[in-house]
N, C-alpha and C. Protein backbone atom coordinates (compact mmCIF):
# COMPACT_ATOMS: atom_id res chain seq x y z
N MET A 1 43.53 245.11 124.24
CA MET A 1 44.56 246.41 123.59
C MET A 1 45.06 246.35 122.68
N GLY A 2 44.74 246.77 121.87
CA GLY A 2 45.22 246.99 120.28
C GLY A 2 47.06 247.10 119.95
N GLU A 3 47.87 246.76 118.98
CA GLU A 3 48.62 246.24 118.36
C GLU A 3 48.69 248.42 118.79
N LYS A 4 50.32 248.63 119.03
CA LYS A 4 51.04 249.46 119.23
C LYS A 4 50.87 250.39 117.39
N LEU A 5 50.45 251.51 117.51
CA LEU A 5 51.14 252.04 116.03
C LEU A 5 51.61 253.52 116.39
N LEU A 6 53.03 253.21 115.10
CA LEU A 6 54.04 253.99 114.79
C LEU A 6 53.35 255.38 114.10
N THR A 7 54.33 256.62 114.51
CA THR A 7 53.75 257.49 113.47
C THR A 7 54.85 257.69 112.59
N VAL A 8 54.19 258.24 110.94
CA VAL A 8 55.51 258.10 110.23
C VAL A 8 56.99 258.25 109.91
N ARG A 9 56.95 259.43 111.34
CA ARG A 9 58.38 259.17 111.09
C ARG A 9 58.63 258.45 112.15
N GLN A 10 58.71 258.20 113.77
CA GLN A 10 58.55 256.96 114.16
C GLN A 10 58.91 255.63 113.46
N ALA A 11 58.34 255.18 112.42
CA ALA A 11 58.26 254.37 111.33
C ALA A 11 59.67 254.03 110.22
N ALA A 12 59.91 255.37 109.65
CA ALA A 12 61.44 256.16 109.09
C ALA A 12 62.20 255.96 109.75
N GLU A 13 62.55 256.04 111.34
CA GLU A 13 63.48 256.31 111.84
C GLU A 13 63.93 254.79 112.55
N LEU A 14 63.02 253.57 111.89
CA LEU A 14 63.17 253.12 113.02
C LEU A 14 63.69 251.57 111.93
N LEU A 15 63.39 251.84 110.51
CA LEU A 15 63.45 251.55 109.37
C LEU A 15 65.00 252.11 108.55
N GLN A 16 65.12 253.26 109.58
CA GLN A 16 66.37 254.30 108.33
C GLN A 16 66.20 254.46 107.10
N LEU A 17 65.10 254.97 107.00
CA LEU A 17 64.60 255.78 106.24
C LEU A 17 63.62 257.16 105.63
N SER A 18 63.74 257.61 104.28
CA SER A 18 62.52 259.28 104.87
C SER A 18 61.60 258.79 105.49
N PRO A 19 61.03 259.42 106.07
CA PRO A 19 59.43 259.94 106.18
C PRO A 19 58.64 260.12 104.48
N LEU A 20 59.65 260.21 103.57
CA LEU A 20 58.85 260.30 102.48
C LEU A 20 58.99 259.13 101.90
N THR A 21 59.69 258.37 101.78
CA THR A 21 59.88 256.35 101.30
C THR A 21 58.49 255.95 102.04
N ILE A 22 58.34 255.46 103.75
CA ILE A 22 57.51 255.24 104.10
C ILE A 22 56.15 256.17 103.84
N ARG A 23 55.86 257.15 103.79
CA ARG A 23 54.80 257.11 102.72
C ARG A 23 54.72 256.93 101.29
N ALA A 24 55.42 256.49 100.45
CA ALA A 24 54.92 256.26 99.17
C ALA A 24 54.63 254.39 99.40
N TRP A 25 55.14 253.96 100.46
CA TRP A 25 55.74 252.79 100.71
C TRP A 25 53.67 252.33 100.85
N ILE A 26 53.38 253.43 101.67
CA ILE A 26 52.34 253.19 102.26
C ILE A 26 50.77 252.70 101.03
N ARG A 27 51.47 253.99 100.42
CA ARG A 27 50.79 253.99 98.73
C ARG A 27 50.44 253.44 98.15
N ARG A 28 51.54 252.31 97.90
CA ARG A 28 52.11 251.76 96.91
C ARG A 28 51.39 250.36 97.74
N GLY A 29 51.22 250.16 98.67
CA GLY A 29 50.83 249.04 99.43
C GLY A 29 51.94 248.13 99.93
N LYS A 30 53.21 248.22 99.82
CA LYS A 30 54.14 247.66 100.70
C LYS A 30 54.34 247.47 102.20
N LEU A 31 53.73 248.68 103.07
CA LEU A 31 53.38 249.26 104.08
C LEU A 31 52.17 249.08 104.11
N ARG A 32 51.94 248.33 105.50
CA ARG A 32 50.57 248.44 105.71
C ARG A 32 50.09 249.78 106.97
N ALA A 33 49.14 250.88 106.94
CA ALA A 33 48.68 251.72 107.52
C ALA A 33 47.58 252.28 107.95
N VAL A 34 47.43 252.73 109.11
CA VAL A 34 45.66 252.89 109.35
C VAL A 34 46.02 254.49 109.53
N TYR A 35 45.33 254.89 108.56
CA TYR A 35 44.93 256.47 108.07
C TYR A 35 43.76 256.80 109.48
N LEU A 36 44.29 258.17 109.98
CA LEU A 36 43.88 258.80 111.14
C LEU A 36 42.45 259.20 110.95
N GLY A 37 41.90 259.91 109.76
CA GLY A 37 40.83 260.72 109.41
C GLY A 37 41.48 261.86 109.04
N SER A 38 42.58 262.26 109.39
CA SER A 38 42.58 264.01 109.09
C SER A 38 44.40 263.47 107.77
N ASP A 39 44.75 264.87 107.30
CA ASP A 39 45.42 265.21 106.86
C ASP A 39 46.72 265.23 108.10
N ALA A 40 46.31 266.42 108.47
CA ALA A 40 47.12 266.39 109.85
C ALA A 40 47.17 265.80 110.69
N ALA A 41 46.37 264.45 111.05
CA ALA A 41 47.20 263.56 111.57
C ALA A 41 47.70 262.02 111.10
N GLY A 42 47.21 261.99 109.90
CA GLY A 42 48.08 261.07 109.09
C GLY A 42 48.19 260.25 108.82
N TYR A 43 48.51 258.41 108.78
CA TYR A 43 49.04 257.64 109.15
C TYR A 43 49.36 257.30 110.31
N ARG A 44 49.25 255.72 110.85
CA ARG A 44 49.91 255.04 111.48
C ARG A 44 50.58 253.71 111.67
N VAL A 45 51.33 253.90 111.02
CA VAL A 45 51.90 251.60 111.15
C VAL A 45 51.72 251.22 112.11
N PRO A 46 51.44 250.15 111.84
CA PRO A 46 51.64 248.86 112.95
C PRO A 46 53.06 248.36 113.76
N ALA A 47 53.35 248.10 114.56
CA ALA A 47 54.88 247.89 114.79
C ALA A 47 55.03 246.92 114.37
N SER A 48 53.73 246.18 114.03
CA SER A 48 54.11 244.34 112.93
C SER A 48 55.06 244.47 111.83
N GLU A 49 54.58 245.67 111.48
CA GLU A 49 54.60 245.47 110.26
C GLU A 49 56.04 246.23 109.84
N ILE A 50 57.22 247.26 111.34
CA ILE A 50 58.17 247.13 111.34
C ILE A 50 58.62 246.05 111.34
N GLU A 51 58.77 245.16 111.35
CA GLU A 51 58.86 243.96 112.25
C GLU A 51 59.34 242.68 110.81
N ARG A 52 57.84 243.14 110.19
CA ARG A 52 57.70 242.49 108.69
C ARG A 52 58.65 242.51 107.80
N ILE A 53 58.81 244.25 107.83
CA ILE A 53 60.03 244.29 106.55
C ILE A 53 61.37 244.39 107.45
N ILE A 54 61.16 244.41 108.48
CA ILE A 54 63.26 243.93 109.09
C ILE A 54 63.09 242.48 109.12
N HIS A 55 62.51 241.63 109.17
CA HIS A 55 62.83 239.77 108.90
C HIS A 55 62.04 239.52 108.13
N GLY A 56 62.12 240.31 107.00
CA GLY A 56 61.97 239.82 105.69
C GLY A 56 60.54 239.52 105.74
N ARG A 57 59.60 239.16 106.19
CA ARG A 57 58.42 238.80 106.32
C ARG A 57 57.38 239.44 105.05
N ASP A 58 57.84 239.47 103.97
CA ASP A 58 57.12 240.51 103.03
C ASP A 58 55.68 239.31 102.29
N GLY A 59 54.67 239.18 102.88
CA GLY A 59 53.68 238.78 102.19
C GLY A 59 53.54 239.55 100.49
N GLY A 60 53.47 240.32 100.40
CA GLY A 60 53.03 241.33 99.09
C GLY A 60 52.71 242.28 99.06
N GLU A 61 51.47 242.66 98.54
CA GLU A 61 51.24 243.99 98.65
C GLU A 61 50.07 243.87 100.06
N THR A 62 49.69 244.99 100.45
CA THR A 62 49.03 244.89 101.89
C THR A 62 48.07 246.22 101.25
N GLN A 63 47.10 246.97 102.14
CA GLN A 63 46.02 247.64 101.58
C GLN A 63 46.59 248.49 103.30
N VAL A 64 46.13 250.28 102.80
CA VAL A 64 46.06 250.77 103.36
C VAL A 64 44.36 251.38 104.45
N GLN A 65 44.41 250.61 105.60
CA GLN A 65 43.11 250.65 106.54
C GLN A 65 42.61 252.41 106.55
N LYS A 66 41.20 252.09 107.09
CA LYS A 66 40.71 253.35 106.90
C LYS A 66 40.79 252.90 109.11
N GLU A 67 40.11 254.36 109.76
CA GLU A 67 40.34 253.73 110.46
C GLU A 67 38.80 253.44 111.78
N GLY A 68 38.38 251.90 111.90
CA GLY A 68 36.91 251.87 112.39
C GLY A 68 36.97 250.58 110.95
N ALA A 69 37.23 250.86 110.41
CA ALA A 69 37.25 250.41 109.32
C ALA A 69 37.73 248.44 109.16
N CYS A 70 36.82 247.43 109.74
CA CYS A 70 36.89 245.51 109.46
C CYS A 70 38.21 245.79 108.43
N ALA A 71 38.56 244.86 108.65
CA ALA A 71 39.96 243.65 107.69
C ALA A 71 39.67 243.22 107.32
């Protein structure tokens, strides 16, 4: 079973930030995300990324991963 993925809105609520900030962090590589292949579907943020940010485990810049791509 895979890791739980959150919508941008859910991630923003958990981090008490704007969805625009979450998207900017994804573009800058501050927050790892999976792109679901269309603008309508958008991005999903792994729950572990929220934990990493909350607990200050910022290991540096991360990359956006395309769905189905190997890491």
